[in-house]
Amino acid sequence: MRADDGPDLARLIAEQFGKTPVHEVRTTVYRRPPHDMLGADGYSLVSNYFLRRVLPYCLMHNAITKLQSAVLSNIIGRQKKGRIAVTHAEIAEELGVKRTSIGHALDALCEKNLIHRTKRSTYQLNPRVAYNGNGQEQYDFLAELRALALDSRFPDELSPELTRFPKTGTGTG
């Protein structure tokens, strides 16, 4: 209770039993700001399995281009609870490439089920690859996406070149 809310609850209980409390304890709750890792936008959780096994293999074997990887990274960093609103020009400016090349990269990422286009300049990031938010929010977002029953099976199925890896070993989260 705050001091202006009336008597201390511990003191009231003690008085009910005819005893005076021996110790008074006061606490102050401090809320810390989100992580500031080279920026104030917070952070996204990215699947260790995707980062360790899928993305490096795809880059080394040309299943995903450098540009597609850069656009995906940009998208992961922009997301707010799996949702992204961005123009091709905004991504192109940040990556230092032509705007027209961004559209092709986004189309390829959609075909691979890493992202899903909902409307012009609005996307959903596959929350099984990366997500900005807590576990319950991710769970709810997955349920929302699964309810759409998309022909592409987004978010549960990725394209074949992204799923050829057996999940073995530990710490692949």
C-alpha atoms as a PDB file:
ATOM      1  CA  MET A   1       0.000   0.000   0.000  1.00  0.00           C
ATOM      2  CA  ARG A   2       1.134   3.509  -0.579  1.00  0.00           C
ATOM      3  CA  ALA A   3       1.413   5.825   2.416  1.00  0.00           C
ATOM      4  CA  ASP A   4      -1.592   7.848   1.258  1.00  0.00           C
ATOM      5  CA  ASP A   5      -3.780   4.719   1.001  1.00  0.00           C
ATOM      6  CA  GLY A   6      -4.319   4.592   4.766  1.00  0.00           C
ATOM      7  CA  PRO A   7      -2.778   2.446   7.503  1.00  0.00           C
ATOM      8  CA  ASP A   8      -0.177  -0.186   6.737  1.00  0.00           C
ATOM      9  CA  LEU A   9      -1.835  -3.577   6.163  1.00  0.00           C
ATOM     10  CA  ALA A  10       0.710  -5.429   8.340  1.00  0.00           C
ATOM     11  CA  ARG A  11       0.098  -3.010  11.203  1.00  0.00           C
ATOM     12  CA  LEU A  12      -3.701  -3.470  10.903  1.00  0.00           C
ATOM     13  CA  ILE A  13      -3.391  -7.263  11.004  1.00  0.00           C
ATOM     14  CA  ALA A  14      -1.024  -7.107  13.977  1.00  0.00           C
ATOM     15  CA  GLU A  15      -3.390  -4.797  15.852  1.00  0.00           C
ATOM     16  CA  GLN A  16      -6.242  -7.262  15.215  1.00  0.00           C
ATOM     17  CA  PHE A  17      -4.233  -9.864  17.111  1.00  0.00           C
ATOM     18  CA  GLY A  18      -3.134  -7.408  19.800  1.00  0.00           C
ATOM     19  CA  LYS A  19       0.498  -7.340  18.770  1.00  0.00           C
ATOM     20  CA  THR A  20       2.656  -4.604  17.341  1.00  0.00           C
ATOM     21  CA  PRO A  21       4.716  -5.629  14.338  1.00  0.00           C
ATOM     22  CA  VAL A  22       8.385  -6.024  15.111  1.00  0.00           C
ATOM     23  CA  HIS A  23       9.573  -4.976  11.650  1.00  0.00           C
ATOM     24  CA  GLU A  24       8.124  -2.827   8.991  1.00  0.00           C
ATOM     25  CA  VAL A  25       9.102  -3.649   5.442  1.00  0.00           C
ATOM     26  CA  ARG A  26       8.731  -1.217   2.609  1.00  0.00           C
ATOM     27  CA  THR A  27       9.497  -2.040  -0.986  1.00  0.00           C
ATOM     28  CA  THR A  28       9.983  -0.009  -4.064  1.00  0.00           C
ATOM     29  CA  VAL A  29       9.420  -1.622  -7.450  1.00  0.00           C
ATOM     30  CA  TYR A  30      11.664  -0.439 -10.235  1.00  0.00           C
ATOM     31  CA  ARG A  31      10.807  -1.284 -13.809  1.00  0.00           C
ATOM     32  CA  ARG A  32      13.827  -1.459 -15.997  1.00  0.00           C
ATOM     33  CA  PRO A  33      13.671  -0.368 -19.610  1.00  0.00           C
ATOM     34  CA  PRO A  34      13.936  -2.944 -22.406  1.00  0.00           C
ATOM     35  CA  HIS A  35      17.383  -3.991 -23.542  1.00  0.00           C
ATOM     36  CA  ASP A  36      19.394  -1.337 -25.335  1.00  0.00           C
ATOM     37  CA  MET A  37      21.550  -3.453 -27.613  1.00  0.00           C
ATOM     38  CA  LEU A  38      22.806  -0.812 -30.045  1.00  0.00           C
ATOM     39  CA  GLY A  39      19.302   0.606 -30.284  1.00  0.00           C
ATOM     40  CA  ALA A  40      16.218   1.368 -28.266  1.00  0.00           C
ATOM     41  CA  ASP A  41      13.708  -0.759 -30.217  1.00  0.00           C
ATOM     42  CA  GLY A  42      14.071  -3.820 -27.998  1.00  0.00           C
ATOM     43  CA  TYR A  43      14.970  -7.193 -29.445  1.00  0.00           C
ATOM     44  CA  SER A  44      13.539 -10.215 -31.231  1.00  0.00           C
ATOM     45  CA  LEU A  45      13.968 -13.836 -30.296  1.00  0.00           C
ATOM     46  CA  VAL A  46      15.306 -15.779 -33.249  1.00  0.00           C
ATOM     47  CA  SER A  47      15.249 -19.566 -33.468  1.00  0.00           C
ATOM     48  CA  ASN A  48      18.676 -20.987 -32.666  1.00  0.00           C
ATOM     49  CA  TYR A  49      17.949 -23.859 -35.039  1.00  0.00           C
ATOM     50  CA  PHE A  50      17.242 -21.420 -37.862  1.00  0.00           C
ATOM     51  CA  LEU A  51      20.371 -19.367 -37.141  1.00  0.00           C
ATOM     52  CA  ARG A  52      22.665 -22.339 -36.581  1.00  0.00           C
ATOM     53  CA  ARG A  53      21.498 -24.837 -39.180  1.00  0.00           C
ATOM     54  CA  VAL A  54      19.069 -23.465 -41.740  1.00  0.00           C
ATOM     55  CA  LEU A  55      20.280 -19.982 -42.659  1.00  0.00           C
ATOM     56  CA  PRO A  56      24.030 -20.790 -42.880  1.00  0.00           C
ATOM     57  CA  TYR A  57      23.370 -23.893 -44.988  1.00  0.00           C
ATOM     58  CA  CYS A  58      21.018 -22.009 -47.294  1.00  0.00           C
ATOM     59  CA  LEU A  59      23.545 -19.199 -47.758  1.00  0.00           C
ATOM     60  CA  MET A  60      26.401 -21.604 -48.467  1.00  0.00           C
ATOM     61  CA  HIS A  61      24.342 -23.646 -50.957  1.00  0.00           C
ATOM     62  CA  ASN A  62      22.510 -20.744 -52.615  1.00  0.00           C
ATOM     63  CA  ALA A  63      19.048 -21.757 -51.388  1.00  0.00           C
ATOM     64  CA  ILE A  64      18.655 -18.176 -50.202  1.00  0.00           C
ATOM     65  CA  THR A  65      20.495 -15.217 -51.687  1.00  0.00           C
ATOM     66  CA  LYS A  66      22.530 -12.667 -49.765  1.00  0.00           C
ATOM     67  CA  LEU A  67      19.881 -10.068 -50.583  1.00  0.00           C
ATOM     68  CA  GLN A  68      17.055 -12.302 -49.318  1.00  0.00           C
ATOM     69  CA  SER A  69      19.038 -12.901 -46.134  1.00  0.00           C
ATOM     70  CA  ALA A  70      19.618  -9.158 -45.690  1.00  0.00           C
ATOM     71  CA  VAL A  71      15.923  -8.390 -46.277  1.00  0.00           C
ATOM     72  CA  LEU A  72      14.895 -11.126 -43.816  1.00  0.00           C
ATOM     73  CA  SER A  73      17.271  -9.717 -41.205  1.00  0.00           C
ATOM     74  CA  ASN A  74      15.839  -6.244 -41.812  1.00  0.00           C
ATOM     75  CA  ILE A  75      12.293  -7.614 -41.445  1.00  0.00           C
ATOM     76  CA  ILE A  76      13.175  -9.438 -38.203  1.00  0.00           C
ATOM     77  CA  GLY A  77      14.544  -6.195 -36.792  1.00  0.00           C
ATOM     78  CA  ARG A  78      11.428  -4.225 -37.785  1.00  0.00           C
ATOM     79  CA  GLN A  79       8.756  -6.551 -36.473  1.00  0.00           C
ATOM     80  CA  LYS A  80       6.348  -5.708 -33.721  1.00  0.00           C
ATOM     81  CA  LYS A  81       4.888  -8.955 -32.440  1.00  0.00           C
ATOM     82  CA  GLY A  82       5.325 -10.630 -35.816  1.00  0.00           C
ATOM     83  CA  ARG A  83       3.831  -7.819 -37.863  1.00  0.00           C
ATOM     84  CA  ILE A  84       5.753  -5.584 -40.248  1.00  0.00           C
ATOM     85  CA  ALA A  85       4.605  -2.475 -42.074  1.00  0.00           C
ATOM     86  CA  VAL A  86       7.332  -1.296 -44.444  1.00  0.00           C
ATOM     87  CA  THR A  87       7.741  -0.110 -47.997  1.00  0.00           C
ATOM     88  CA  HIS A  88      10.221  -1.502 -50.487  1.00  0.00           C
ATOM     89  CA  ALA A  89      11.840   1.934 -50.616  1.00  0.00           C
ATOM     90  CA  GLU A  90      12.451   1.953 -46.856  1.00  0.00           C
ATOM     91  CA  ILE A  91      14.203  -1.422 -46.922  1.00  0.00           C
ATOM     92  CA  ALA A  92      16.157  -0.512 -50.068  1.00  0.00           C
ATOM     93  CA  GLU A  93      17.407   2.717 -48.514  1.00  0.00           C
ATOM     94  CA  GLU A  94      18.626   0.919 -45.388  1.00  0.00           C
ATOM     95  CA  LEU A  95      20.339  -1.828 -47.388  1.00  0.00           C
ATOM     96  CA  GLY A  96      21.749   0.485 -50.054  1.00  0.00           C
ATOM     97  CA  VAL A  97      20.180  -1.348 -52.993  1.00  0.00           C
ATOM     98  CA  LYS A  98      17.608  -0.571 -55.682  1.00  0.00           C
ATOM     99  CA  ARG A  99      13.974  -0.579 -54.630  1.00  0.00           C
ATOM    100  CA  THR A 100      12.994  -2.963 -57.441  1.00  0.00           C
ATOM    101  CA  SER A 101      15.302  -5.684 -56.104  1.00  0.00           C
ATOM    102  CA  ILE A 102      13.528  -5.637 -52.730  1.00  0.00           C
ATOM    103  CA  GLY A 103      10.222  -6.748 -54.256  1.00  0.00           C
ATOM    104  CA  HIS A 104      11.844  -9.861 -55.747  1.00  0.00           C
ATOM    105  CA  ALA A 105      13.512 -10.697 -52.435  1.00  0.00           C
ATOM    106  CA  LEU A 106      10.245 -10.277 -50.508  1.00  0.00           C
ATOM    107  CA  ASP A 107       8.424 -12.474 -53.036  1.00  0.00           C
ATOM    108  CA  ALA A 108      11.057 -15.195 -52.571  1.00  0.00           C
ATOM    109  CA  LEU A 109      10.793 -14.971 -48.775  1.00  0.00           C
ATOM    110  CA  CYS A 110       7.011 -15.345 -49.100  1.00  0.00           C
ATOM    111  CA  GLU A 111       7.456 -18.423 -51.321  1.00  0.00           C
ATOM    112  CA  LYS A 112       9.738 -19.920 -48.673  1.00  0.00           C
ATOM    113  CA  ASN A 113       7.085 -19.207 -45.970  1.00  0.00           C
ATOM    114  CA  LEU A 114       9.494 -17.083 -43.958  1.00  0.00           C
ATOM    115  CA  ILE A 115       7.092 -14.164 -44.272  1.00  0.00           C
ATOM    116  CA  HIS A 116       3.490 -13.764 -45.405  1.00  0.00           C
ATOM    117  CA  ARG A 117       2.146 -10.726 -47.265  1.00  0.00           C
ATOM    118  CA  THR A 118      -1.211  -9.617 -45.885  1.00  0.00           C
ATOM    119  CA  LYS A 119      -1.607  -6.535 -48.058  1.00  0.00           C
ATOM    120  CA  ARG A 120       0.570  -3.973 -49.802  1.00  0.00           C
ATOM    121  CA  SER A 121       3.571  -3.072 -47.607  1.00  0.00           C
ATOM    122  CA  THR A 122       2.260  -5.214 -44.740  1.00  0.00           C
ATOM    123  CA  TYR A 123       3.764  -8.558 -43.801  1.00  0.00           C
ATOM    124  CA  GLN A 124       3.729 -11.152 -41.074  1.00  0.00           C
ATOM    125  CA  LEU A 125       7.012 -12.728 -40.056  1.00  0.00           C
ATOM    126  CA  ASN A 126       6.922 -16.454 -39.437  1.00  0.00           C
ATOM    127  CA  PRO A 127       6.867 -16.533 -35.610  1.00  0.00           C
ATOM    128  CA  ARG A 128       8.504 -19.965 -35.608  1.00  0.00           C
ATOM    129  CA  VAL A 129      11.636 -18.347 -37.096  1.00  0.00           C
ATOM    130  CA  ALA A 130      11.709 -15.106 -35.068  1.00  0.00           C
ATOM    131  CA  TYR A 131       9.339 -13.249 -32.781  1.00  0.00           C
ATOM    132  CA  ASN A 132       9.311  -9.991 -30.845  1.00  0.00           C
ATOM    133  CA  GLY A 133       7.160 -10.465 -27.755  1.00  0.00           C
ATOM    134  CA  ASN A 134       6.590 -12.980 -24.981  1.00  0.00           C
ATOM    135  CA  GLY A 135       5.813 -16.678 -25.290  1.00  0.00           C
ATOM    136  CA  GLN A 136       2.067 -16.326 -24.774  1.00  0.00           C
ATOM    137  CA  GLU A 137       1.869 -13.610 -27.433  1.00  0.00           C
ATOM    138  CA  GLN A 138       3.798 -15.849 -29.830  1.00  0.00           C
ATOM    139  CA  TYR A 139       1.458 -18.748 -29.053  1.00  0.00           C
ATOM    140  CA  ASP A 140      -1.612 -16.557 -29.661  1.00  0.00           C
ATOM    141  CA  PHE A 141      -0.140 -15.193 -32.916  1.00  0.00           C
ATOM    142  CA  LEU A 142       0.569 -18.745 -34.131  1.00  0.00           C
ATOM    143  CA  ALA A 143      -3.035 -19.713 -33.372  1.00  0.00           C
ATOM    144  CA  GLU A 144      -4.268 -16.661 -35.284  1.00  0.00           C
ATOM    145  CA  LEU A 145      -2.120 -17.546 -38.303  1.00  0.00           C
ATOM    146  CA  ARG A 146      -3.101 -21.225 -38.221  1.00  0.00           C
ATOM    147  CA  ALA A 147      -6.785 -20.227 -38.169  1.00  0.00           C
ATOM    148  CA  LEU A 148      -6.270 -18.608 -41.585  1.00  0.00           C
ATOM    149  CA  ALA A 149      -5.646 -22.110 -43.019  1.00  0.00           C
ATOM    150  CA  LEU A 150      -3.511 -20.736 -45.855  1.00  0.00           C
ATOM    151  CA  ASP A 151      -2.776 -22.941 -48.850  1.00  0.00           C
ATOM    152  CA  SER A 152       0.925 -22.345 -48.252  1.00  0.00           C
ATOM    153  CA  ARG A 153       0.609 -23.890 -44.744  1.00  0.00           C
ATOM    154  CA  PHE A 154       2.198 -20.764 -43.258  1.00  0.00           C
ATOM    155  CA  PRO A 155       3.573 -20.711 -40.552  1.00  0.00           C
ATOM    156  CA  ASP A 156       4.045 -24.453 -39.991  1.00  0.00           C
ATOM    157  CA  GLU A 157       5.687 -25.471 -43.250  1.00  0.00           C
ATOM    158  CA  LEU A 158       8.713 -23.889 -44.842  1.00  0.00           C
ATOM    159  CA  SER A 159       9.806 -24.556 -48.390  1.00  0.00           C
ATOM    160  CA  PRO A 160      11.655 -27.881 -48.897  1.00  0.00           C
ATOM    161  CA  GLU A 161      15.115 -26.299 -49.190  1.00  0.00           C
ATOM    162  CA  LEU A 162      14.676 -24.859 -45.695  1.00  0.00           C
ATOM    163  CA  THR A 163      13.539 -28.092 -44.024  1.00  0.00           C
ATOM    164  CA  ARG A 164      16.042 -30.700 -45.113  1.00  0.00           C
ATOM    165  CA  PHE A 165      17.819 -30.746 -41.762  1.00  0.00           C
ATOM    166  CA  PRO A 166      17.185 -33.397 -39.118  1.00  0.00           C
ATOM    167  CA  LYS A 167      16.719 -31.919 -35.650  1.00  0.00           C
ATOM    168  CA  THR A 168      19.495 -33.669 -33.778  1.00  0.00           C
ATOM    169  CA  GLY A 169      21.740 -32.713 -30.907  1.00  0.00           C
ATOM    170  CA  THR A 170      21.036 -30.404 -28.017  1.00  0.00           C
ATOM    171  CA  GLY A 171      20.714 -26.688 -27.714  1.00  0.00           C
ATOM    172  CA  THR A 172      19.149 -26.220 -31.132  1.00  0.00           C
ATOM    173  CA  GLY A 173      16.151 -24.282 -29.736  1.00  0.00           C
END
